[in-house]
């Protein structure tokens, strides 16, 4: 059921989507981007990732984001 849950996914552009998939970025429960220490400012600029990004998060996204932060995100 999680596979088809509309809240188990985020509408991200290709670069942030890949970074999210491999755990180099995540989002907190308010939608603020979390960036791994493995990404320096030069890499962020090259990938067009800004540190002040905030996306809209619905309550139903939060359990999936918590899982991602605890199991995938490489802080």
Protein backbone atom coordinates (compact mmCIF):
# COMPACT_ATOMS: atom_id res chain seq x y z
CA UNK A 1 0.00 0.00 0.00
CA UNK A 2 2.94 2.37 0.61
CA UNK A 3 4.05 1.95 -2.99
CA UNK A 4 0.84 3.49 -4.32
CA UNK A 5 0.33 6.02 -1.51
CA UNK A 6 0.31 9.47 -3.11
CA UNK A 7 2.09 10.89 -0.04
CA UNK A 8 5.05 8.52 -0.43
CA UNK A 9 6.77 10.79 -2.92
CA UNK A 10 7.66 14.38 -3.58
CA UNK A 11 7.44 16.38 -6.81
CA UNK A 12 11.12 17.31 -7.15
CA UNK A 13 13.18 18.44 -10.12
CA UNK A 14 15.70 15.86 -11.45
CA UNK A 15 18.79 17.01 -9.46
CA UNK A 16 17.09 17.23 -6.06
CA UNK A 17 15.15 14.03 -6.79
CA UNK A 18 18.37 12.07 -7.32
CA UNK A 19 20.01 13.63 -4.25
CA UNK A 20 16.95 12.70 -2.18
CA UNK A 21 16.98 9.17 -3.58
CA UNK A 22 20.61 8.61 -2.58
CA UNK A 23 20.22 10.30 0.80
CA UNK A 24 22.21 13.49 0.25
CA UNK A 25 19.20 15.70 0.94
CA UNK A 26 16.03 15.26 2.92
CA UNK A 27 13.32 17.49 4.38
CA UNK A 28 12.19 18.18 7.92
CA UNK A 29 8.54 18.01 8.98
CA UNK A 30 8.03 21.66 8.01
CA UNK A 31 9.44 21.10 4.50
CA UNK A 32 12.83 22.77 5.04
CA UNK A 33 15.65 21.14 3.11
CA UNK A 34 18.28 19.18 5.03
CA UNK A 35 21.62 18.88 3.27
CA UNK A 36 24.19 16.20 3.97
CA UNK A 37 27.61 17.31 5.13
CA UNK A 38 28.90 15.29 2.18
CA UNK A 39 27.73 18.09 -0.15
CA UNK A 40 29.82 21.25 -0.07
CA UNK A 41 28.77 24.67 -1.35
CA UNK A 42 30.56 24.14 -4.68
CA UNK A 43 28.57 20.96 -5.35
CA UNK A 44 25.31 22.64 -4.31
CA UNK A 45 25.95 25.52 -6.71
CA UNK A 46 26.79 23.12 -9.54
CA UNK A 47 23.56 21.20 -8.88
CA UNK A 48 21.46 24.37 -8.43
CA UNK A 49 20.48 23.43 -4.88
CA UNK A 50 19.84 26.29 -2.46
CA UNK A 51 20.09 25.99 1.32
CA UNK A 52 16.89 27.98 1.92
CA UNK A 53 14.53 25.67 0.00
CA UNK A 54 11.24 24.88 1.66
CA UNK A 55 8.55 22.70 0.09
CA UNK A 56 4.93 22.15 1.04
CA UNK A 57 4.54 19.13 3.30
CA UNK A 58 1.18 17.58 4.11
CA UNK A 59 0.68 15.77 7.41
CA UNK A 60 0.55 12.45 5.52
CA UNK A 61 4.08 13.01 4.11
CA UNK A 62 5.63 13.19 7.57
CA UNK A 63 5.84 9.46 8.32
CA UNK A 64 7.65 8.85 5.03
CA UNK A 65 9.99 11.78 5.59
CA UNK A 66 10.80 10.55 9.10
CA UNK A 67 11.65 7.15 7.66
CA UNK A 68 13.83 8.77 5.00
CA UNK A 69 15.69 10.92 7.54
CA UNK A 70 16.26 7.98 9.88
CA UNK A 71 17.18 5.36 7.28
CA UNK A 72 18.39 7.01 4.08
CA UNK A 73 19.70 10.49 4.86
CA UNK A 74 23.49 10.67 5.16
CA UNK A 75 23.92 13.47 7.63
